[in-house]
Amino acid sequence: MNDGTPAFDRRMLEALVCPVTQTVLEYDAEKQELISRAANLVFPIRNGIPVMLTDEARPLE
């Protein structure tokens, strides 16, 4: 995937937790999202930067 979008550094995932539940996040490389199953929220990654704001998250389907 080299569409000009900066790549998300997977090592950052080890340091990030869900801002709602403080639990581990899953990385969806295809959709460029971080998933919190505990909170049922999906956080976007924009330009290689995780947006960890609850008002920017969408419900997990």
PDB file of N, CA and C in Angstrom:
ATOM      1  N   MET A   1       0.842  -1.179   0.000  1.00  0.00           N
ATOM      2  CA  MET A   1       0.000   0.000   0.000  1.00  0.00           C
ATOM      3  C   MET A   1       0.879   1.231   0.000  1.00  0.00           C
ATOM      4  N   ASN A   2       1.092   1.805  -1.166  1.00  0.00           N
ATOM      5  CA  ASN A   2       1.853   3.033  -1.229  1.00  0.00           C
ATOM      6  C   ASN A   2       1.085   4.028  -2.066  1.00  0.00           C
ATOM      7  N   ASP A   3       0.054   4.602  -1.468  1.00  0.00           N
ATOM      8  CA  ASP A   3      -0.783   5.570  -2.165  1.00  0.00           C
ATOM      9  C   ASP A   3      -0.446   6.996  -1.759  1.00  0.00           C
ATOM     10  N   GLY A   4       0.753   7.176  -1.190  1.00  0.00           N
ATOM     11  CA  GLY A   4       1.172   8.504  -0.755  1.00  0.00           C
ATOM     12  C   GLY A   4       0.837   8.787   0.699  1.00  0.00           C
ATOM     13  N   THR A   5       0.067   7.889   1.328  1.00  0.00           N
ATOM     14  CA  THR A   5      -0.280   8.063   2.731  1.00  0.00           C
ATOM     15  C   THR A   5       0.840   7.506   3.600  1.00  0.00           C
ATOM     16  N   PRO A   6       1.298   8.284   4.607  1.00  0.00           N
ATOM     17  CA  PRO A   6       2.343   7.751   5.487  1.00  0.00           C
ATOM     18  C   PRO A   6       1.877   6.474   6.173  1.00  0.00           C
ATOM     19  N   ALA A   7       2.775   5.549   6.320  1.00  0.00           N
ATOM     20  CA  ALA A   7       2.452   4.272   6.953  1.00  0.00           C
ATOM     21  C   ALA A   7       2.332   4.444   8.464  1.00  0.00           C
ATOM     22  N   PHE A   8       1.429   3.684   9.049  1.00  0.00           N
ATOM     23  CA  PHE A   8       1.275   3.664  10.499  1.00  0.00           C
ATOM     24  C   PHE A   8       2.373   2.786  11.076  1.00  0.00           C
ATOM     25  N   ASP A   9       3.061   3.270  12.081  1.00  0.00           N
ATOM     26  CA  ASP A   9       4.131   2.521  12.733  1.00  0.00           C
ATOM     27  C   ASP A   9       3.508   1.525  13.702  1.00  0.00           C
ATOM     28  N   ARG A  10       3.566   0.249  13.333  1.00  0.00           N
ATOM     29  CA  ARG A  10       2.932  -0.791  14.170  1.00  0.00           C
ATOM     30  C   ARG A  10       3.507  -0.827  15.584  1.00  0.00           C
ATOM     31  N   ARG A  11       4.738  -0.386  15.772  1.00  0.00           N
ATOM     32  CA  ARG A  11       5.318  -0.367  17.129  1.00  0.00           C
ATOM     33  C   ARG A  11       4.555   0.600  18.031  1.00  0.00           C
ATOM     34  N   MET A  12       3.932   1.618  17.412  1.00  0.00           N
ATOM     35  CA  MET A  12       3.151   2.572  18.187  1.00  0.00           C
ATOM     36  C   MET A  12       1.955   1.884  18.839  1.00  0.00           C
ATOM     37  N   LEU A  13       1.456   0.828  18.207  1.00  0.00           N
ATOM     38  CA  LEU A  13       0.298   0.104  18.727  1.00  0.00           C
ATOM     39  C   LEU A  13       0.567  -0.436  20.129  1.00  0.00           C
ATOM     40  N   GLU A  14       1.802  -0.796  20.402  1.00  0.00           N
ATOM     41  CA  GLU A  14       2.147  -1.322  21.725  1.00  0.00           C
ATOM     42  C   GLU A  14       1.959  -0.275  22.814  1.00  0.00           C
ATOM     43  N   ALA A  15       2.078   1.002  22.459  1.00  0.00           N
ATOM     44  CA  ALA A  15       1.967   2.079  23.442  1.00  0.00           C
ATOM     45  C   ALA A  15       0.542   2.628  23.537  1.00  0.00           C
ATOM     46  N   LEU A  16      -0.274   2.382  22.514  1.00  0.00           N
ATOM     47  CA  LEU A  16      -1.626   2.937  22.485  1.00  0.00           C
ATOM     48  C   LEU A  16      -2.621   1.991  23.137  1.00  0.00           C
ATOM     49  N   VAL A  17      -3.581   2.583  23.854  1.00  0.00           N
ATOM     50  CA  VAL A  17      -4.703   1.836  24.419  1.00  0.00           C
ATOM     51  C   VAL A  17      -5.974   2.618  24.113  1.00  0.00           C
ATOM     52  N   CYS A  18      -7.089   1.962  24.238  1.00  0.00           N
ATOM     53  CA  CYS A  18      -8.367   2.620  24.027  1.00  0.00           C
ATOM     54  C   CYS A  18      -8.539   3.739  25.062  1.00  0.00           C
ATOM     55  N   PRO A  19      -8.906   4.951  24.620  1.00  0.00           N
ATOM     56  CA  PRO A  19      -9.074   6.048  25.575  1.00  0.00           C
ATOM     57  C   PRO A  19     -10.294   5.875  26.479  1.00  0.00           C
ATOM     58  N   VAL A  20     -11.204   4.983  26.109  1.00  0.00           N
ATOM     59  CA  VAL A  20     -12.409   4.764  26.901  1.00  0.00           C
ATOM     60  C   VAL A  20     -12.185   3.674  27.946  1.00  0.00           C
ATOM     61  N   THR A  21     -11.617   2.529  27.509  1.00  0.00           N
ATOM     62  CA  THR A  21     -11.520   1.359  28.383  1.00  0.00           C
ATOM     63  C   THR A  21     -10.095   1.045  28.847  1.00  0.00           C
ATOM     64  N   GLN A  22      -9.108   1.721  28.258  1.00  0.00           N
ATOM     65  CA  GLN A  22      -7.691   1.470  28.560  1.00  0.00           C
ATOM     66  C   GLN A  22      -7.269   0.054  28.188  1.00  0.00           C
ATOM     67  N   THR A  23      -7.940  -0.550  27.205  1.00  0.00           N
ATOM     68  CA  THR A  23      -7.612  -1.902  26.763  1.00  0.00           C
ATOM     69  C   THR A  23      -6.833  -1.871  25.449  1.00  0.00           C
ATOM     70  N   VAL A  24      -6.320  -3.027  25.068  1.00  0.00           N
ATOM     71  CA  VAL A  24      -5.509  -3.178  23.863  1.00  0.00           C
ATOM     72  C   VAL A  24      -6.353  -2.917  22.618  1.00  0.00           C
ATOM     73  N   LEU A  25      -5.713  -2.359  21.602  1.00  0.00           N
ATOM     74  CA  LEU A  25      -6.365  -2.076  20.320  1.00  0.00           C
ATOM     75  C   LEU A  25      -5.887  -3.057  19.266  1.00  0.00           C
ATOM     76  N   GLU A  26      -6.735  -3.329  18.284  1.00  0.00           N
ATOM     77  CA  GLU A  26      -6.366  -4.141  17.119  1.00  0.00           C
ATOM     78  C   GLU A  26      -6.130  -3.195  15.949  1.00  0.00           C
ATOM     79  N   TYR A  27      -5.160  -3.525  15.113  1.00  0.00           N
ATOM     80  CA  TYR A  27      -4.824  -2.715  13.952  1.00  0.00           C
ATOM     81  C   TYR A  27      -5.391  -3.344  12.690  1.00  0.00           C
ATOM     82  N   ASP A  28      -6.204  -2.595  11.962  1.00  0.00           N
ATOM     83  CA  ASP A  28      -6.720  -3.038  10.664  1.00  0.00           C
ATOM     84  C   ASP A  28      -5.941  -2.276   9.599  1.00  0.00           C
ATOM     85  N   ALA A  29      -4.939  -2.932   9.008  1.00  0.00           N
ATOM     86  CA  ALA A  29      -4.059  -2.284   8.044  1.00  0.00           C
ATOM     87  C   ALA A  29      -4.799  -1.902   6.767  1.00  0.00           C
ATOM     88  N   GLU A  30      -5.730  -2.738   6.344  1.00  0.00           N
ATOM     89  CA  GLU A  30      -6.457  -2.473   5.103  1.00  0.00           C
ATOM     90  C   GLU A  30      -7.300  -1.206   5.197  1.00  0.00           C
ATOM     91  N   LYS A  31      -7.990  -1.038   6.321  1.00  0.00           N
ATOM     92  CA  LYS A  31      -8.869   0.123   6.504  1.00  0.00           C
ATOM     93  C   LYS A  31      -8.178   1.291   7.198  1.00  0.00           C
ATOM     94  N   GLN A  32      -6.945   1.065   7.674  1.00  0.00           N
ATOM     95  CA  GLN A  32      -6.213   2.086   8.430  1.00  0.00           C
ATOM     96  C   GLN A  32      -7.049   2.567   9.619  1.00  0.00           C
ATOM     97  N   GLU A  33      -7.345   1.617  10.498  1.00  0.00           N
ATOM     98  CA  GLU A  33      -8.143   1.890  11.685  1.00  0.00           C
ATOM     99  C   GLU A  33      -7.606   1.099  12.874  1.00  0.00           C
ATOM    100  N   LEU A  34      -7.906   1.609  14.055  1.00  0.00           N
ATOM    101  CA  LEU A  34      -7.616   0.902  15.298  1.00  0.00           C
ATOM    102  C   LEU A  34      -8.951   0.536  15.931  1.00  0.00           C
ATOM    103  N   ILE A  35      -9.073  -0.718  16.333  1.00  0.00           N
ATOM    104  CA  ILE A  35     -10.346  -1.246  16.819  1.00  0.00           C
ATOM    105  C   ILE A  35     -10.260  -1.518  18.317  1.00  0.00           C
ATOM    106  N   SER A  36     -11.247  -0.983  19.042  1.00  0.00           N
ATOM    107  CA  SER A  36     -11.403  -1.296  20.457  1.00  0.00           C
ATOM    108  C   SER A  36     -12.641  -2.166  20.595  1.00  0.00           C
ATOM    109  N   ARG A  37     -12.426  -3.468  20.749  1.00  0.00           N
ATOM    110  CA  ARG A  37     -13.567  -4.375  20.900  1.00  0.00           C
ATOM    111  C   ARG A  37     -14.261  -4.154  22.252  1.00  0.00           C
ATOM    112  N   ALA A  38     -13.508  -3.779  23.262  1.00  0.00           N
ATOM    113  CA  ALA A  38     -14.079  -3.557  24.592  1.00  0.00           C
ATOM    114  C   ALA A  38     -15.060  -2.383  24.585  1.00  0.00           C
ATOM    115  N   ALA A  39     -14.747  -1.332  23.822  1.00  0.00           N
ATOM    116  CA  ALA A  39     -15.615  -0.154  23.757  1.00  0.00           C
ATOM    117  C   ALA A  39     -16.534  -0.177  22.540  1.00  0.00           C
ATOM    118  N   ASN A  40     -16.337  -1.184  21.660  1.00  0.00           N
ATOM    119  CA  ASN A  40     -17.093  -1.266  20.404  1.00  0.00           C
ATOM    120  C   ASN A  40     -16.938   0.011  19.577  1.00  0.00           C
ATOM    121  N   LEU A  41     -15.693   0.488  19.495  1.00  0.00           N
ATOM    122  CA  LEU A  41     -15.382   1.693  18.729  1.00  0.00           C
ATOM    123  C   LEU A  41     -14.236   1.426  17.771  1.00  0.00           C
ATOM    124  N   VAL A  42     -14.219   2.180  16.677  1.00  0.00           N
ATOM    125  CA  VAL A  42     -13.157   2.101  15.685  1.00  0.00           C
ATOM    126  C   VAL A  42     -12.588   3.502  15.510  1.00  0.00           C
ATOM    127  N   PHE A  43     -11.275   3.627  15.725  1.00  0.00           N
ATOM    128  CA  PHE A  43     -10.605   4.920  15.628  1.00  0.00           C
ATOM    129  C   PHE A  43      -9.842   5.004  14.304  1.00  0.00           C
ATOM    130  N   PRO A  44      -9.991   6.114  13.586  1.00  0.00           N
ATOM    131  CA  PRO A  44      -9.314   6.236  12.287  1.00  0.00           C
ATOM    132  C   PRO A  44      -7.829   6.530  12.437  1.00  0.00           C
ATOM    133  N   ILE A  45      -7.082   6.173  11.403  1.00  0.00           N
ATOM    134  CA  ILE A  45      -5.674   6.578  11.290  1.00  0.00           C
ATOM    135  C   ILE A  45      -5.614   7.473  10.063  1.00  0.00           C
ATOM    136  N   ARG A  46      -5.234   8.731  10.274  1.00  0.00           N
ATOM    137  CA  ARG A  46      -5.185   9.699   9.176  1.00  0.00           C
ATOM    138  C   ARG A  46      -3.756  10.177   8.979  1.00  0.00           C
ATOM    139  N   ASN A  47      -3.270  10.053   7.759  1.00  0.00           N
ATOM    140  CA  ASN A  47      -1.905  10.457   7.426  1.00  0.00           C
ATOM    141  C   ASN A  47      -0.883   9.801   8.345  1.00  0.00           C
ATOM    142  N   GLY A  48      -1.141   8.547   8.716  1.00  0.00           N
ATOM    143  CA  GLY A  48      -0.225   7.797   9.560  1.00  0.00           C
ATOM    144  C   GLY A  48      -0.350   8.098  11.040  1.00  0.00           C
ATOM    145  N   ILE A  49      -1.329   8.939  11.422  1.00  0.00           N
ATOM    146  CA  ILE A  49      -1.491   9.340  12.825  1.00  0.00           C
ATOM    147  C   ILE A  49      -2.823   8.829  13.357  1.00  0.00           C
ATOM    148  N   PRO A  50      -2.804   8.038  14.433  1.00  0.00           N
ATOM    149  CA  PRO A  50      -4.057   7.570  15.034  1.00  0.00           C
ATOM    150  C   PRO A  50      -4.822   8.741  15.652  1.00  0.00           C
ATOM    151  N   VAL A  51      -6.102   8.821  15.359  1.00  0.00           N
ATOM    152  CA  VAL A  51      -6.967   9.856  15.935  1.00  0.00           C
ATOM    153  C   VAL A  51      -7.745   9.199  17.067  1.00  0.00           C
ATOM    154  N   MET A  52      -7.268   9.410  18.290  1.00  0.00           N
ATOM    155  CA  MET A  52      -7.800   8.701  19.454  1.00  0.00           C
ATOM    156  C   MET A  52      -8.841   9.530  20.216  1.00  0.00           C
ATOM    157  N   LEU A  53      -9.690  10.233  19.475  1.00  0.00           N
ATOM    158  CA  LEU A  53     -10.759  11.022  20.069  1.00  0.00           C
ATOM    159  C   LEU A  53     -12.071  10.276  19.919  1.00  0.00           C
ATOM    160  N   THR A  54     -12.825  10.164  21.005  1.00  0.00           N
ATOM    161  CA  THR A  54     -14.069   9.402  20.943  1.00  0.00           C
ATOM    162  C   THR A  54     -15.068  10.021  19.982  1.00  0.00           C
ATOM    163  N   ASP A  55     -15.052  11.339  19.812  1.00  0.00           N
ATOM    164  CA  ASP A  55     -16.003  11.961  18.881  1.00  0.00           C
ATOM    165  C   ASP A  55     -15.600  11.762  17.421  1.00  0.00           C
ATOM    166  N   GLU A  56     -14.385  11.256  17.172  1.00  0.00           N
ATOM    167  CA  GLU A  56     -13.938  10.930  15.822  1.00  0.00           C
ATOM    168  C   GLU A  56     -14.099   9.430  15.524  1.00  0.00           C
ATOM    169  N   ALA A  57     -14.381   8.650  16.555  1.00  0.00           N
ATOM    170  CA  ALA A  57     -14.523   7.200  16.386  1.00  0.00           C
ATOM    171  C   ALA A  57     -15.896   6.878  15.828  1.00  0.00           C
ATOM    172  N   ARG A  58     -15.982   5.700  15.185  1.00  0.00           N
ATOM    173  CA  ARG A  58     -17.278   5.209  14.716  1.00  0.00           C
ATOM    174  C   ARG A  58     -17.589   3.917  15.471  1.00  0.00           C
ATOM    175  N   PRO A  59     -18.876   3.577  15.556  1.00  0.00           N
ATOM    176  CA  PRO A  59     -19.249   2.323  16.223  1.00  0.00           C
ATOM    177  C   PRO A  59     -18.713   1.115  15.464  1.00  0.00           C
ATOM    178  N   LEU A  60     -18.296   0.117  16.188  1.00  0.00           N
ATOM    179  CA  LEU A  60     -17.854  -1.143  15.589  1.00  0.00           C
ATOM    180  C   LEU A  60     -19.069  -1.899  15.097  1.00  0.00           C
ATOM    181  N   GLU A  61     -19.033  -2.313  13.829  1.00  0.00           N
ATOM    182  CA  GLU A  61     -20.181  -2.996  13.244  1.00  0.00           C
ATOM    183  C   GLU A  61     -20.105  -4.489  13.478  1.00  0.00           C
TER     184      GLU A  61
END
